[in-house]
Amino acid sequence: MAQTELLDIHVTTWENPHDYEGVQCLTYPTDTGDDWALAWPGERRTWVVHLHGHGSTGDQIFTREDIRDTWLAAYRRLGLGVLSANLRGNAWMCPAAADDLHRLLAWSRGHYGVGDFLFVSGSMGGTSNLIYGILHPEDISAMVALCPATDIGAYARWCRQHPGGVIDEIYAAIVQAYGGPPEEQPEVYAAHSAVAHAARLTMPLFVCHGDDDKIIPVEESRRLAAALADVPTFSYLELPGGHHDSPLFAFDLEEWLASQLSECGV
C-alpha cells in the first residue's frame, strides 16, 4: 500500500462560544483554498469522526444544540476523542473530499496517537460515511449512518426528479462536487456507490431511516439493507412515519458505541 501523503496542518486553539477546553482547529491547504477540521482529544485512543450535514460546516457537532447535547455529551462520557471535519463544505464525499479525509486521518494517527476511528453521522454526513467506508474500510472500526443516500448517482437523479427548495441546493452541490451529473461522470458516481460496493462495508454498521423522509428517500437505505441482509455485523432500523431528523435520536447511541468499544476491543 502506497504511503499516504500527510496534510500540511496548522494547529491552533479553537475560540468557541461554549468554552470547550482543549478543542483545536486544524487548518490545511487544498487545491481550492484552505479547509479545516476540529479535534478534541479524549481519554481513549479511539476517536469519533463526525461529518456534518448539507448546509452545515465542520463545527456542527459543537454548535447544533440537539446533536451537541446528545451526541457530543455521549462521546465525552465514553472518553472518546472527536474529529469533526469541514471537508470542502457540501462536497458529498466526492473524490477530492475523500482524499482529504484519508490524509487527515493519517495525520491524526501520527499527531494524536489515534488507534481507531468510529464514524457517526447523518444525512450528507451519513452518506459520506458510507462512501468513505467503501473507499477506505481499513480506516473505520465501526460506523453509524443515519438517513443516508446509499447510491450517490441514483440520489442525484432522484433530486432532479423532485425539484424544489433544499433538494435543488443538494442536487447543485452534488453535480458541482462530482464534476457534472451522473450521465456525464458515470464512473465517478459508480465508484462512490455504497450499494454497488456493499461488500466492502466490513465494519460493524448501523443504519437508520424514517420511511417518510422527504429529503433522502427511505428506498436508499432499503437497497443497502437488502444488499447486506446476510451480513451479521449489519443492523437496520426503519422508523414508521419517521422524517429526516427522526433517526438522530431514535436509538441509544451511547449504548451502541459502548458495545462496540467492548466487542472490538477499542
Protein backbone atom coordinates (compact mmCIF):
# COMPACT_ATOMS: atom_id res chain seq x y z
CA MET A 1 0.00 0.00 0.00
CA ALA A 2 1.43 3.38 -1.01
CA GLN A 3 2.27 5.71 1.83
CA THR A 4 -0.32 8.45 2.30
CA GLU A 5 0.98 11.98 1.81
CA LEU A 6 0.20 13.84 5.02
CA LEU A 7 -1.60 17.16 5.04
CA ASP A 8 0.32 20.29 5.97
CA ILE A 9 -1.75 21.16 9.05
CA HIS A 10 -1.57 24.31 11.16
CA VAL A 11 -2.88 23.69 14.71
CA THR A 12 -4.43 26.46 16.80
CA THR A 13 -6.74 26.63 19.81
CA TRP A 14 -10.38 26.91 18.73
CA GLU A 15 -12.01 30.00 20.17
CA ASN A 16 -15.52 28.69 20.67
CA PRO A 17 -18.72 30.13 22.16
CA HIS A 18 -19.13 27.31 24.70
CA ASP A 19 -15.67 27.45 26.27
CA TYR A 20 -14.80 23.85 25.50
CA GLU A 21 -11.24 23.43 26.70
CA GLY A 22 -8.73 21.63 24.54
CA VAL A 23 -10.54 21.83 21.19
CA GLN A 24 -8.07 22.51 18.40
CA CYS A 25 -8.63 23.90 14.93
CA LEU A 26 -6.71 22.12 12.17
CA THR A 27 -6.25 24.27 9.07
CA TYR A 28 -4.74 22.90 5.88
CA PRO A 29 -4.42 23.94 2.22
CA THR A 30 -6.31 22.27 -0.61
CA ASP A 31 -6.43 22.90 -4.34
CA THR A 32 -9.48 25.16 -3.80
CA GLY A 33 -8.21 27.08 -0.76
CA ASP A 34 -7.80 26.42 2.95
CA ASP A 35 -10.06 23.93 4.71
CA TRP A 36 -10.32 22.91 8.34
CA ALA A 37 -11.40 20.43 10.99
CA LEU A 38 -11.89 20.49 14.76
CA ALA A 39 -10.13 18.00 17.01
CA TRP A 40 -10.87 17.32 20.68
CA PRO A 41 -8.65 14.63 22.25
CA GLY A 42 -10.29 12.36 24.81
CA GLU A 43 -9.16 9.78 27.33
CA ARG A 44 -9.09 6.94 24.80
CA ARG A 45 -7.08 6.36 21.65
CA THR A 46 -10.42 5.75 19.95
CA TRP A 47 -11.98 8.79 18.27
CA VAL A 48 -15.34 9.55 16.69
CA VAL A 49 -15.33 11.08 13.21
CA HIS A 50 -18.33 13.38 12.77
CA LEU A 51 -19.20 14.53 9.23
CA HIS A 52 -21.72 17.35 9.00
CA GLY A 53 -24.97 17.53 7.10
CA HIS A 54 -25.70 19.56 3.98
CA GLY A 55 -25.78 23.27 4.73
CA SER A 56 -23.74 22.92 7.91
CA THR A 57 -19.99 23.17 8.50
CA GLY A 58 -17.28 21.35 10.41
CA ASP A 59 -18.37 22.75 13.78
CA GLN A 60 -21.87 21.18 13.65
CA ILE A 61 -21.27 18.71 16.47
CA PHE A 62 -20.31 21.62 18.73
CA THR A 63 -22.88 24.20 17.63
CA ARG A 64 -26.12 22.38 16.76
CA GLU A 65 -27.73 22.21 20.17
CA ASP A 66 -29.70 18.96 19.91
CA ILE A 67 -26.81 16.95 18.45
CA ARG A 68 -24.27 18.60 20.75
CA ASP A 69 -26.21 17.92 23.93
CA THR A 70 -26.94 14.31 22.98
CA TRP A 71 -24.12 13.00 20.80
CA LEU A 72 -21.16 15.08 21.90
CA ALA A 73 -22.05 14.55 25.55
CA ALA A 74 -22.16 10.78 24.95
CA TYR A 75 -18.76 10.81 23.25
CA ARG A 76 -17.17 12.60 26.16
CA ARG A 77 -18.74 10.34 28.78
CA LEU A 78 -17.19 7.40 26.92
CA GLY A 79 -13.82 9.13 26.85
CA LEU A 80 -13.72 9.34 23.07
CA GLY A 81 -11.82 11.92 21.08
CA VAL A 82 -13.74 13.83 18.42
CA LEU A 83 -12.67 14.80 14.91
CA SER A 84 -15.19 16.99 13.07
CA ALA A 85 -14.14 17.77 9.52
CA ASN A 86 -15.47 20.50 7.23
CA LEU A 87 -14.40 18.60 4.08
CA ARG A 88 -14.95 21.24 1.41
CA GLY A 89 -18.41 22.16 2.68
CA ASN A 90 -21.25 20.46 0.80
CA ALA A 91 -19.00 18.04 -1.09
CA TRP A 92 -20.90 14.78 -0.51
CA MET A 93 -17.63 12.81 -0.18
CA CYS A 94 -16.52 13.48 -3.73
CA PRO A 95 -13.07 12.12 -4.69
CA ALA A 96 -11.23 15.23 -3.50
CA ALA A 97 -13.03 15.22 -0.14
CA ALA A 98 -12.31 11.52 0.33
CA ASP A 99 -8.62 12.11 -0.37
CA ASP A 100 -8.56 15.00 2.12
CA LEU A 101 -10.17 12.85 4.82
CA HIS A 102 -7.83 9.92 4.20
CA ARG A 103 -4.84 12.16 4.69
CA LEU A 104 -6.43 13.91 7.70
CA LEU A 105 -6.94 10.57 9.45
CA ALA A 106 -3.37 9.51 8.72
CA TRP A 107 -2.08 12.79 10.15
CA SER A 108 -4.28 12.39 13.24
CA ARG A 109 -2.89 8.93 13.93
CA GLY A 110 0.61 10.34 13.99
CA HIS A 111 -0.10 13.59 15.79
CA TYR A 112 -2.64 12.44 18.39
CA GLY A 113 -1.80 8.73 18.53
CA VAL A 114 -5.31 7.72 17.43
CA GLY A 115 -5.74 3.96 17.34
CA ASP A 116 -9.27 3.55 15.96
CA PHE A 117 -11.93 5.68 14.31
CA LEU A 118 -15.68 5.28 14.79
CA PHE A 119 -17.75 7.13 12.17
CA VAL A 120 -21.09 8.58 13.35
CA SER A 121 -23.01 10.96 11.07
CA GLY A 122 -26.39 11.64 9.48
CA SER A 123 -27.84 12.87 6.18
CA MET A 124 -24.99 14.11 3.94
CA GLY A 125 -22.67 13.02 6.74
CA GLY A 126 -24.21 9.54 6.83
CA THR A 127 -23.93 9.34 3.05
CA SER A 128 -20.30 10.40 3.29
CA ASN A 129 -19.64 7.78 5.97
CA LEU A 130 -20.79 5.02 3.63
CA ILE A 131 -18.87 6.36 0.65
CA TYR A 132 -15.70 6.68 2.66
CA GLY A 133 -16.34 3.23 4.10
CA ILE A 134 -16.27 1.57 0.67
CA LEU A 135 -13.19 3.55 -0.35
CA HIS A 136 -11.18 3.04 2.85
CA PRO A 137 -12.74 0.36 5.05
CA GLU A 138 -9.37 -0.08 6.75
CA ASP A 139 -9.81 3.33 8.40
CA ILE A 140 -13.09 2.53 10.19
CA SER A 141 -13.65 0.25 13.20
CA ALA A 142 -17.43 0.78 13.35
CA MET A 143 -19.99 3.06 11.70
CA VAL A 144 -23.38 4.69 12.22
CA ALA A 145 -25.04 6.16 9.10
CA LEU A 146 -28.40 7.84 9.68
CA CYS A 147 -30.83 8.70 6.85
CA PRO A 148 -28.13 8.27 4.20
CA ALA A 149 -28.12 8.17 0.44
CA THR A 150 -26.57 4.84 -0.48
CA ASP A 151 -26.11 5.37 -4.23
CA ILE A 152 -24.97 8.92 -4.90
CA GLY A 153 -25.80 8.73 -8.61
CA ALA A 154 -29.31 7.39 -8.05
CA TYR A 155 -29.89 10.01 -5.37
CA ALA A 156 -28.73 12.81 -7.66
CA ARG A 157 -31.22 11.64 -10.28
CA TRP A 158 -33.96 11.47 -7.61
CA CYS A 159 -33.18 15.08 -6.61
CA ARG A 160 -33.50 16.17 -10.23
CA GLN A 161 -36.89 14.46 -10.45
CA HIS A 162 -38.15 16.08 -7.20
CA PRO A 163 -37.19 19.76 -7.60
CA GLY A 164 -37.78 22.49 -5.07
CA GLY A 165 -36.19 24.12 -2.04
CA VAL A 166 -33.24 22.36 -0.42
CA ILE A 167 -33.44 19.49 -2.92
CA ASP A 168 -32.36 21.89 -5.66
CA GLU A 169 -29.44 23.03 -3.50
CA ILE A 170 -28.38 19.45 -2.82
CA TYR A 171 -28.51 18.49 -6.50
CA ALA A 172 -26.44 21.52 -7.48
CA ALA A 173 -23.87 20.74 -4.79
CA ILE A 174 -23.53 17.09 -5.83
CA VAL A 175 -23.15 17.97 -9.51
CA GLN A 176 -20.52 20.59 -8.72
CA ALA A 177 -18.57 18.29 -6.39
CA TYR A 178 -18.62 15.34 -8.80
CA GLY A 179 -17.74 17.31 -11.91
CA GLY A 180 -21.12 17.01 -13.59
CA PRO A 181 -24.37 15.00 -13.43
CA PRO A 182 -24.31 11.19 -13.30
CA GLU A 183 -24.72 10.88 -17.06
CA GLU A 184 -21.51 12.83 -17.64
CA GLN A 185 -19.43 11.20 -14.87
CA PRO A 186 -20.78 7.63 -14.62
CA GLU A 187 -17.52 6.06 -13.46
CA VAL A 188 -17.01 8.57 -10.66
CA TYR A 189 -20.53 8.15 -9.33
CA ALA A 190 -20.32 4.36 -9.65
CA ALA A 191 -17.08 4.26 -7.67
CA HIS A 192 -18.83 6.12 -4.84
CA SER A 193 -21.95 3.92 -4.69
CA ALA A 194 -22.21 2.17 -1.34
CA VAL A 195 -24.82 -0.24 -2.72
CA ALA A 196 -22.64 -1.24 -5.66
CA HIS A 197 -19.69 -1.90 -3.35
CA ALA A 198 -21.56 -3.03 -0.25
CA ALA A 199 -19.20 -5.98 0.24
CA ARG A 200 -16.50 -3.52 1.28
CA LEU A 201 -18.53 -2.41 4.30
CA THR A 202 -16.93 -4.99 6.54
CA MET A 203 -17.06 -3.00 9.78
CA PRO A 204 -19.98 -3.15 12.28
CA LEU A 205 -22.57 -0.89 10.66
CA PHE A 206 -25.85 0.53 11.95
CA VAL A 207 -28.21 2.32 9.54
CA CYS A 208 -31.47 4.03 10.49
CA HIS A 209 -34.00 5.78 8.24
CA GLY A 210 -37.51 7.21 8.58
CA ASP A 211 -39.97 5.93 5.99
CA ASP A 212 -41.46 9.42 5.48
CA ASP A 213 -38.15 11.15 4.81
CA LYS A 214 -38.74 13.90 2.24
CA ILE A 215 -35.05 14.83 1.84
CA ILE A 216 -33.41 11.44 1.27
CA PRO A 217 -35.98 8.74 0.44
CA VAL A 218 -36.05 5.60 2.56
CA GLU A 219 -35.56 3.48 -0.56
CA GLU A 220 -31.90 4.48 -0.41
CA SER A 221 -31.40 2.64 2.89
CA ARG A 222 -33.67 -0.22 1.89
CA ARG A 223 -31.42 -1.01 -1.07
CA LEU A 224 -28.37 -1.20 1.18
CA ALA A 225 -30.27 -3.27 3.75
CA ALA A 226 -31.16 -5.76 1.02
CA ALA A 227 -27.55 -5.93 -0.16
CA LEU A 228 -26.28 -6.57 3.40
CA ALA A 229 -29.16 -8.71 4.65
CA ASP A 230 -26.92 -11.73 5.31
CA VAL A 231 -24.09 -9.78 6.95
CA PRO A 232 -24.13 -10.36 10.73
CA THR A 233 -22.36 -7.08 11.54
CA PHE A 234 -25.04 -5.01 9.75
CA SER A 235 -28.13 -3.66 11.54
CA TYR A 236 -31.00 -1.68 10.03
CA LEU A 237 -33.79 0.16 11.82
CA GLU A 238 -36.64 1.72 9.84
CA LEU A 239 -38.90 4.22 11.59
CA PRO A 240 -42.60 4.17 10.56
CA GLY A 241 -43.72 7.75 9.95
CA GLY A 242 -40.20 8.99 10.65
CA HIS A 243 -38.98 12.19 8.97
CA HIS A 244 -35.45 13.23 8.04
CA ASP A 245 -34.32 14.06 11.58
CA SER A 246 -36.14 11.20 13.33
CA PRO A 247 -33.15 8.80 13.24
CA LEU A 248 -30.95 11.25 15.13
CA PHE A 249 -32.49 10.33 18.47
CA ALA A 250 -34.35 7.09 17.75
CA PHE A 251 -31.84 4.78 19.43
CA ASP A 252 -29.36 4.77 22.30
CA LEU A 253 -26.20 5.93 20.55
CA GLU A 254 -24.12 5.80 23.72
CA GLU A 255 -25.10 2.19 24.39
CA TRP A 256 -24.30 1.20 20.80
CA LEU A 257 -20.90 2.87 20.92
CA ALA A 258 -20.13 1.31 24.30
CA SER A 259 -20.93 -2.12 22.88
CA GLN A 260 -18.53 -1.51 20.01
CA LEU A 261 -15.79 -0.40 22.36
CA SER A 262 -16.24 -3.64 24.25
CA GLU A 263 -16.67 -6.02 21.30
CA CYS A 264 -13.97 -4.50 19.12
CA GLY A 265 -11.52 -4.04 21.97
CA VAL A 266 -11.08 -0.37 21.18
